[in-house]
């Protein structure tokens, strides 16, 4: 994966975005040698509104009704 300094990305931003979309390769933008962000092509096949954790949790019992225990913060 290619890395690029933030100043160089700023100077060539539009051309780099076009290259990323065309080549389908991500680049990492760095500042003072530390990675800050990853710029990657948009994947139209992935649904942004997809819920990957839906159905992953289960609960047992009633989670809505109040409990009979008095909390310390309520005193």
PDB file of N, CA and C in Angstrom:
ATOM      1  N   UNK A   1       0.842  -1.167   0.000  1.00  0.00           N
ATOM      2  CA  UNK A   1       0.000   0.000   0.000  1.00  0.00           C
ATOM      3  C   UNK A   1       0.897   1.244   0.000  1.00  0.00           C
ATOM      4  N   UNK A   2       0.504   2.207  -0.791  1.00  0.00           N
ATOM      5  CA  UNK A   2       1.285   3.422  -0.968  1.00  0.00           C
ATOM      6  C   UNK A   2       1.036   4.395   0.186  1.00  0.00           C
ATOM      7  N   UNK A   3       2.079   5.099   0.610  1.00  0.00           N
ATOM      8  CA  UNK A   3       1.933   6.158   1.605  1.00  0.00           C
ATOM      9  C   UNK A   3       2.335   7.478   0.980  1.00  0.00           C
ATOM     10  N   UNK A   4       1.766   8.558   1.508  1.00  0.00           N
ATOM     11  CA  UNK A   4       1.999   9.879   0.948  1.00  0.00           C
ATOM     12  C   UNK A   4       1.902  10.910   2.059  1.00  0.00           C
ATOM     13  N   UNK A   5       2.802  11.881   2.044  1.00  0.00           N
ATOM     14  CA  UNK A   5       2.763  12.954   3.033  1.00  0.00           C
ATOM     15  C   UNK A   5       1.540  13.839   2.786  1.00  0.00           C
ATOM     16  N   UNK A   6       0.985  14.383   3.854  1.00  0.00           N
ATOM     17  CA  UNK A   6      -0.227  15.193   3.764  1.00  0.00           C
ATOM     18  C   UNK A   6      -0.033  16.401   2.848  1.00  0.00           C
ATOM     19  N   UNK A   7       1.118  17.016   2.888  1.00  0.00           N
ATOM     20  CA  UNK A   7       1.380  18.185   2.039  1.00  0.00           C
ATOM     21  C   UNK A   7       1.337  17.811   0.558  1.00  0.00           C
ATOM     22  N   UNK A   8       1.900  16.656   0.206  1.00  0.00           N
ATOM     23  CA  UNK A   8       1.866  16.213  -1.189  1.00  0.00           C
ATOM     24  C   UNK A   8       0.447  15.817  -1.593  1.00  0.00           C
ATOM     25  N   UNK A   9      -0.298  15.211  -0.667  1.00  0.00           N
ATOM     26  CA  UNK A   9      -1.686  14.876  -0.961  1.00  0.00           C
ATOM     27  C   UNK A   9      -2.501  16.143  -1.213  1.00  0.00           C
ATOM     28  N   UNK A  10      -2.263  17.162  -0.414  1.00  0.00           N
ATOM     29  CA  UNK A  10      -2.990  18.424  -0.566  1.00  0.00           C
ATOM     30  C   UNK A  10      -2.710  19.049  -1.929  1.00  0.00           C
ATOM     31  N   UNK A  11      -1.479  18.986  -2.360  1.00  0.00           N
ATOM     32  CA  UNK A  11      -1.097  19.599  -3.632  1.00  0.00           C
ATOM     33  C   UNK A  11      -1.678  18.847  -4.832  1.00  0.00           C
ATOM     34  N   UNK A  12      -1.863  17.545  -4.706  1.00  0.00           N
ATOM     35  CA  UNK A  12      -2.295  16.723  -5.838  1.00  0.00           C
ATOM     36  C   UNK A  12      -3.602  15.977  -5.558  1.00  0.00           C
ATOM     37  N   UNK A  13      -4.411  16.501  -4.680  1.00  0.00           N
ATOM     38  CA  UNK A  13      -5.592  15.812  -4.181  1.00  0.00           C
ATOM     39  C   UNK A  13      -6.516  15.295  -5.286  1.00  0.00           C
ATOM     40  N   UNK A  14      -6.947  16.146  -6.190  1.00  0.00           N
ATOM     41  CA  UNK A  14      -7.921  15.736  -7.208  1.00  0.00           C
ATOM     42  C   UNK A  14      -7.369  14.652  -8.129  1.00  0.00           C
ATOM     43  N   UNK A  15      -6.125  14.794  -8.541  1.00  0.00           N
ATOM     44  CA  UNK A  15      -5.514  13.781  -9.404  1.00  0.00           C
ATOM     45  C   UNK A  15      -5.372  12.456  -8.658  1.00  0.00           C
ATOM     46  N   UNK A  16      -4.999  12.521  -7.378  1.00  0.00           N
ATOM     47  CA  UNK A  16      -4.855  11.292  -6.599  1.00  0.00           C
ATOM     48  C   UNK A  16      -6.191  10.587  -6.402  1.00  0.00           C
ATOM     49  N   UNK A  17      -7.244  11.353  -6.181  1.00  0.00           N
ATOM     50  CA  UNK A  17      -8.572  10.762  -6.028  1.00  0.00           C
ATOM     51  C   UNK A  17      -8.975  10.033  -7.313  1.00  0.00           C
ATOM     52  N   UNK A  18      -8.708  10.655  -8.451  1.00  0.00           N
ATOM     53  CA  UNK A  18      -9.003  10.001  -9.729  1.00  0.00           C
ATOM     54  C   UNK A  18      -8.208   8.706  -9.878  1.00  0.00           C
ATOM     55  N   UNK A  19      -6.937   8.734  -9.488  1.00  0.00           N
ATOM     56  CA  UNK A  19      -6.093   7.536  -9.580  1.00  0.00           C
ATOM     57  C   UNK A  19      -6.586   6.425  -8.665  1.00  0.00           C
ATOM     58  N   UNK A  20      -6.997   6.786  -7.468  1.00  0.00           N
ATOM     59  CA  UNK A  20      -7.497   5.797  -6.512  1.00  0.00           C
ATOM     60  C   UNK A  20      -8.758   5.133  -7.056  1.00  0.00           C
ATOM     61  N   UNK A  21      -9.662   5.933  -7.609  1.00  0.00           N
ATOM     62  CA  UNK A  21     -10.905   5.389  -8.158  1.00  0.00           C
ATOM     63  C   UNK A  21     -10.634   4.489  -9.356  1.00  0.00           C
ATOM     64  N   UNK A  22      -9.671   4.854 -10.178  1.00  0.00           N
ATOM     65  CA  UNK A  22      -9.371   4.093 -11.394  1.00  0.00           C
ATOM     66  C   UNK A  22      -8.600   2.806 -11.083  1.00  0.00           C
ATOM     67  N   UNK A  23      -7.587   2.909 -10.232  1.00  0.00           N
ATOM     68  CA  UNK A  23      -6.706   1.767  -9.940  1.00  0.00           C
ATOM     69  C   UNK A  23      -7.252   0.854  -8.839  1.00  0.00           C
ATOM     70  N   UNK A  24      -8.240   1.322  -8.082  1.00  0.00           N
ATOM     71  CA  UNK A  24      -8.805   0.580  -6.946  1.00  0.00           C
ATOM     72  C   UNK A  24      -7.732   0.214  -5.922  1.00  0.00           C
ATOM     73  N   UNK A  25      -6.816   1.155  -5.675  1.00  0.00           N
ATOM     74  CA  UNK A  25      -5.773   0.958  -4.668  1.00  0.00           C
ATOM     75  C   UNK A  25      -5.868   2.057  -3.630  1.00  0.00           C
ATOM     76  N   UNK A  26      -5.696   1.703  -2.385  1.00  0.00           N
ATOM     77  CA  UNK A  26      -5.760   2.659  -1.285  1.00  0.00           C
ATOM     78  C   UNK A  26      -4.411   3.310  -1.058  1.00  0.00           C
ATOM     79  N   UNK A  27      -4.426   4.499  -0.463  1.00  0.00           N
ATOM     80  CA  UNK A  27      -3.183   5.141  -0.032  1.00  0.00           C
ATOM     81  C   UNK A  27      -3.363   5.617   1.404  1.00  0.00           C
ATOM     82  N   UNK A  28      -2.267   5.651   2.125  1.00  0.00           N
ATOM     83  CA  UNK A  28      -2.269   6.129   3.503  1.00  0.00           C
ATOM     84  C   UNK A  28      -1.618   7.508   3.521  1.00  0.00           C
ATOM     85  N   UNK A  29      -2.321   8.463   4.120  1.00  0.00           N
ATOM     86  CA  UNK A  29      -1.805   9.825   4.223  1.00  0.00           C
ATOM     87  C   UNK A  29      -1.111   9.954   5.573  1.00  0.00           C
ATOM     88  N   UNK A  30       0.122  10.465   5.542  1.00  0.00           N
ATOM     89  CA  UNK A  30       0.911  10.602   6.760  1.00  0.00           C
ATOM     90  C   UNK A  30       1.198  12.065   7.056  1.00  0.00           C
ATOM     91  N   UNK A  31       1.468  12.336   8.318  1.00  0.00           N
ATOM     92  CA  UNK A  31       1.888  13.666   8.745  1.00  0.00           C
ATOM     93  C   UNK A  31       3.032  13.458   9.723  1.00  0.00           C
ATOM     94  N   UNK A  32       4.171  14.007   9.402  1.00  0.00           N
ATOM     95  CA  UNK A  32       5.397  13.826  10.190  1.00  0.00           C
ATOM     96  C   UNK A  32       5.741  12.343  10.329  1.00  0.00           C
ATOM     97  N   UNK A  33       5.456  11.582   9.283  1.00  0.00           N
ATOM     98  CA  UNK A  33       5.791  10.167   9.266  1.00  0.00           C
ATOM     99  C   UNK A  33       4.784   9.253   9.948  1.00  0.00           C
ATOM    100  N   UNK A  34       3.754   9.819  10.576  1.00  0.00           N
ATOM    101  CA  UNK A  34       2.750   9.000  11.266  1.00  0.00           C
ATOM    102  C   UNK A  34       1.502   8.876  10.397  1.00  0.00           C
ATOM    103  N   UNK A  35       0.994   7.670  10.211  1.00  0.00           N
ATOM    104  CA  UNK A  35      -0.217   7.495   9.407  1.00  0.00           C
ATOM    105  C   UNK A  35      -1.418   8.154  10.074  1.00  0.00           C
ATOM    106  N   UNK A  36      -2.186   8.911   9.274  1.00  0.00           N
ATOM    107  CA  UNK A  36      -3.366   9.602   9.800  1.00  0.00           C
ATOM    108  C   UNK A  36      -4.663   9.042   9.251  1.00  0.00           C
ATOM    109  N   UNK A  37      -4.735   8.937   7.926  1.00  0.00           N
ATOM    110  CA  UNK A  37      -5.969   8.465   7.294  1.00  0.00           C
ATOM    111  C   UNK A  37      -5.640   7.532   6.143  1.00  0.00           C
ATOM    112  N   UNK A  38      -6.648   6.756   5.786  1.00  0.00           N
ATOM    113  CA  UNK A  38      -6.534   5.866   4.642  1.00  0.00           C
ATOM    114  C   UNK A  38      -7.584   6.304   3.629  1.00  0.00           C
ATOM    115  N   UNK A  39      -7.159   6.586   2.420  1.00  0.00           N
ATOM    116  CA  UNK A  39      -8.076   6.963   1.345  1.00  0.00           C
ATOM    117  C   UNK A  39      -8.217   5.743   0.453  1.00  0.00           C
ATOM    118  N   UNK A  40      -9.463   5.301   0.302  1.00  0.00           N
ATOM    119  CA  UNK A  40      -9.694   4.080  -0.448  1.00  0.00           C
ATOM    120  C   UNK A  40     -10.868   4.269  -1.394  1.00  0.00           C
ATOM    121  N   UNK A  41     -10.917   3.494  -2.466  1.00  0.00           N
ATOM    122  CA  UNK A  41     -12.021   3.642  -3.422  1.00  0.00           C
ATOM    123  C   UNK A  41     -13.342   3.210  -2.811  1.00  0.00           C
ATOM    124  N   UNK A  42     -14.405   3.839  -3.269  1.00  0.00           N
ATOM    125  CA  UNK A  42     -15.748   3.509  -2.806  1.00  0.00           C
ATOM    126  C   UNK A  42     -16.198   2.224  -3.476  1.00  0.00           C
ATOM    127  N   UNK A  43     -16.742   1.312  -2.694  1.00  0.00           N
ATOM    128  CA  UNK A  43     -17.218   0.034  -3.215  1.00  0.00           C
ATOM    129  C   UNK A  43     -18.736   0.096  -3.328  1.00  0.00           C
ATOM    130  N   UNK A  44     -19.231   0.231  -4.531  1.00  0.00           N
ATOM    131  CA  UNK A  44     -20.670   0.359  -4.742  1.00  0.00           C
ATOM    132  C   UNK A  44     -21.420  -0.934  -4.437  1.00  0.00           C
ATOM    133  N   UNK A  45     -20.723  -2.053  -4.417  1.00  0.00           N
ATOM    134  CA  UNK A  45     -21.371  -3.331  -4.146  1.00  0.00           C
ATOM    135  C   UNK A  45     -21.684  -3.522  -2.666  1.00  0.00           C
ATOM    136  N   UNK A  46     -20.980  -2.787  -1.805  1.00  0.00           N
ATOM    137  CA  UNK A  46     -21.245  -2.876  -0.378  1.00  0.00           C
ATOM    138  C   UNK A  46     -22.360  -1.916  -0.024  1.00  0.00           C
ATOM    139  N   UNK A  47     -23.303  -2.390   0.734  1.00  0.00           N
ATOM    140  CA  UNK A  47     -24.416  -1.554   1.174  1.00  0.00           C
ATOM    141  C   UNK A  47     -23.972  -0.776   2.407  1.00  0.00           C
ATOM    142  N   UNK A  48     -23.970   0.548   2.321  1.00  0.00           N
ATOM    143  CA  UNK A  48     -23.531   1.387   3.430  1.00  0.00           C
ATOM    144  C   UNK A  48     -24.447   1.194   4.640  1.00  0.00           C
ATOM    145  N   UNK A  49     -25.721   0.975   4.391  1.00  0.00           N
ATOM    146  CA  UNK A  49     -26.679   0.840   5.472  1.00  0.00           C
ATOM    147  C   UNK A  49     -26.777  -0.591   5.997  1.00  0.00           C
ATOM    148  N   UNK A  50     -25.899  -1.444   5.555  1.00  0.00           N
ATOM    149  CA  UNK A  50     -25.904  -2.828   5.999  1.00  0.00           C
ATOM    150  C   UNK A  50     -25.626  -2.880   7.502  1.00  0.00           C
ATOM    151  N   UNK A  51     -26.282  -3.782   8.199  1.00  0.00           N
ATOM    152  CA  UNK A  51     -26.125  -3.903   9.643  1.00  0.00           C
ATOM    153  C   UNK A  51     -25.376  -5.197   9.949  1.00  0.00           C
ATOM    154  N   UNK A  52     -24.037  -5.149   9.985  1.00  0.00           N
ATOM    155  CA  UNK A  52     -23.264  -6.381  10.138  1.00  0.00           C
ATOM    156  C   UNK A  52     -23.435  -7.063  11.497  1.00  0.00           C
ATOM    157  N   UNK A  53     -23.874  -6.337  12.536  1.00  0.00           N
ATOM    158  CA  UNK A  53     -24.026  -6.947  13.854  1.00  0.00           C
ATOM    159  C   UNK A  53     -25.461  -7.353  14.165  1.00  0.00           C
ATOM    160  N   UNK A  54     -26.367  -7.141  13.206  1.00  0.00           N
ATOM    161  CA  UNK A  54     -27.757  -7.489  13.435  1.00  0.00           C
ATOM    162  C   UNK A  54     -27.872  -8.990  13.709  1.00  0.00           C
ATOM    163  N   UNK A  55     -28.525  -9.328  14.808  1.00  0.00           N
ATOM    164  CA  UNK A  55     -28.704 -10.720  15.184  1.00  0.00           C
ATOM    165  C   UNK A  55     -27.529 -11.319  15.941  1.00  0.00           C
ATOM    166  N   UNK A  56     -26.482 -10.533  16.202  1.00  0.00           N
ATOM    167  CA  UNK A  56     -25.298 -11.051  16.870  1.00  0.00           C
ATOM    168  C   UNK A  56     -25.476 -11.123  18.383  1.00  0.00           C
ATOM    169  N   UNK A  57     -26.388 -10.330  18.939  1.00  0.00           N
ATOM    170  CA  UNK A  57     -26.592 -10.315  20.389  1.00  0.00           C
ATOM    171  C   UNK A  57     -27.891 -11.019  20.749  1.00  0.00           C
ATOM    172  N   UNK A  58     -27.876 -11.659  21.882  1.00  0.00           N
ATOM    173  CA  UNK A  58     -29.091 -12.273  22.401  1.00  0.00           C
ATOM    174  C   UNK A  58     -29.297 -11.782  23.824  1.00  0.00           C
ATOM    175  N   UNK A  59     -30.522 -11.705  24.239  1.00  0.00           N
ATOM    176  CA  UNK A  59     -30.816 -11.319  25.616  1.00  0.00           C
ATOM    177  C   UNK A  59     -31.745 -12.347  26.231  1.00  0.00           C
ATOM    178  N   UNK A  60     -31.626 -12.464  27.530  1.00  0.00           N
ATOM    179  CA  UNK A  60     -32.435 -13.428  28.261  1.00  0.00           C
ATOM    180  C   UNK A  60     -33.225 -12.658  29.309  1.00  0.00           C
ATOM    181  N   UNK A  61     -34.515 -12.783  29.290  1.00  0.00           N
ATOM    182  CA  UNK A  61     -35.343 -12.145  30.293  1.00  0.00           C
ATOM    183  C   UNK A  61     -35.821 -10.773  29.861  1.00  0.00           C
ATOM    184  N   UNK A  62     -36.389 -10.054  30.815  1.00  0.00           N
ATOM    185  CA  UNK A  62     -36.969  -8.743  30.574  1.00  0.00           C
ATOM    186  C   UNK A  62     -35.900  -7.674  30.733  1.00  0.00           C
ATOM    187  N   UNK A  63     -35.628  -6.927  29.682  1.00  0.00           N
ATOM    188  CA  UNK A  63     -34.609  -5.875  29.752  1.00  0.00           C
ATOM    189  C   UNK A  63     -35.229  -4.488  29.831  1.00  0.00           C
ATOM    190  N   UNK A  64     -36.551  -4.412  29.919  1.00  0.00           N
ATOM    191  CA  UNK A  64     -37.234  -3.128  29.909  1.00  0.00           C
ATOM    192  C   UNK A  64     -37.740  -2.728  31.288  1.00  0.00           C
ATOM    193  N   UNK A  65     -38.276  -3.669  32.034  1.00  0.00           N
ATOM    194  CA  UNK A  65     -38.874  -3.362  33.335  1.00  0.00           C
ATOM    195  C   UNK A  65     -37.818  -2.905  34.331  1.00  0.00           C
ATOM    196  N   UNK A  66     -38.215  -2.013  35.269  1.00  0.00           N
ATOM    197  CA  UNK A  66     -37.253  -1.557  36.290  1.00  0.00           C
ATOM    198  C   UNK A  66     -36.877  -2.696  37.237  1.00  0.00           C
ATOM    199  N   UNK A  67     -35.718  -2.581  37.807  1.00  0.00           N
ATOM    200  CA  UNK A  67     -35.269  -3.586  38.769  1.00  0.00           C
ATOM    201  C   UNK A  67     -35.601  -3.108  40.183  1.00  0.00           C
ATOM    202  N   UNK A  68     -35.608  -4.010  41.146  1.00  0.00           N
ATOM    203  CA  UNK A  68     -35.971  -3.665  42.510  1.00  0.00           C
ATOM    204  C   UNK A  68     -34.791  -3.207  43.336  1.00  0.00           C
ATOM    205  N   UNK A  69     -33.632  -3.087  42.765  1.00  0.00           N
ATOM    206  CA  UNK A  69     -32.428  -2.698  43.493  1.00  0.00           C
ATOM    207  C   UNK A  69     -32.285  -1.184  43.432  1.00  0.00           C
ATOM    208  N   UNK A  70     -32.050  -0.562  44.619  1.00  0.00           N
ATOM    209  CA  UNK A  70     -31.831   0.889  44.644  1.00  0.00           C
ATOM    210  C   UNK A  70     -30.361   1.160  44.354  1.00  0.00           C
ATOM    211  N   UNK A  71     -30.124   2.073  43.450  1.00  0.00           N
ATOM    212  CA  UNK A  71     -28.763   2.409  43.065  1.00  0.00           C
ATOM    213  C   UNK A  71     -28.195   3.438  44.034  1.00  0.00           C
ATOM    214  N   UNK A  72     -26.906   3.401  44.203  1.00  0.00           N
ATOM    215  CA  UNK A  72     -26.206   4.355  45.052  1.00  0.00           C
ATOM    216  C   UNK A  72     -26.400   5.778  44.539  1.00  0.00           C
ATOM    217  N   UNK A  73     -26.431   5.950  43.233  1.00  0.00           N
ATOM    218  CA  UNK A  73     -26.578   7.282  42.634  1.00  0.00           C
ATOM    219  C   UNK A  73     -27.979   7.858  42.860  1.00  0.00           C
ATOM    220  N   UNK A  74     -28.979   7.017  43.100  1.00  0.00           N
ATOM    221  CA  UNK A  74     -30.339   7.481  43.299  1.00  0.00           C
ATOM    222  C   UNK A  74     -30.587   7.968  44.725  1.00  0.00           C
ATOM    223  N   UNK A  75     -29.665   7.757  45.630  1.00  0.00           N
ATOM    224  CA  UNK A  75     -29.850   8.153  47.042  1.00  0.00           C
ATOM    225  C   UNK A  75     -29.636   9.624  47.229  1.00  0.00           C
TER     226      UNK A  75
END
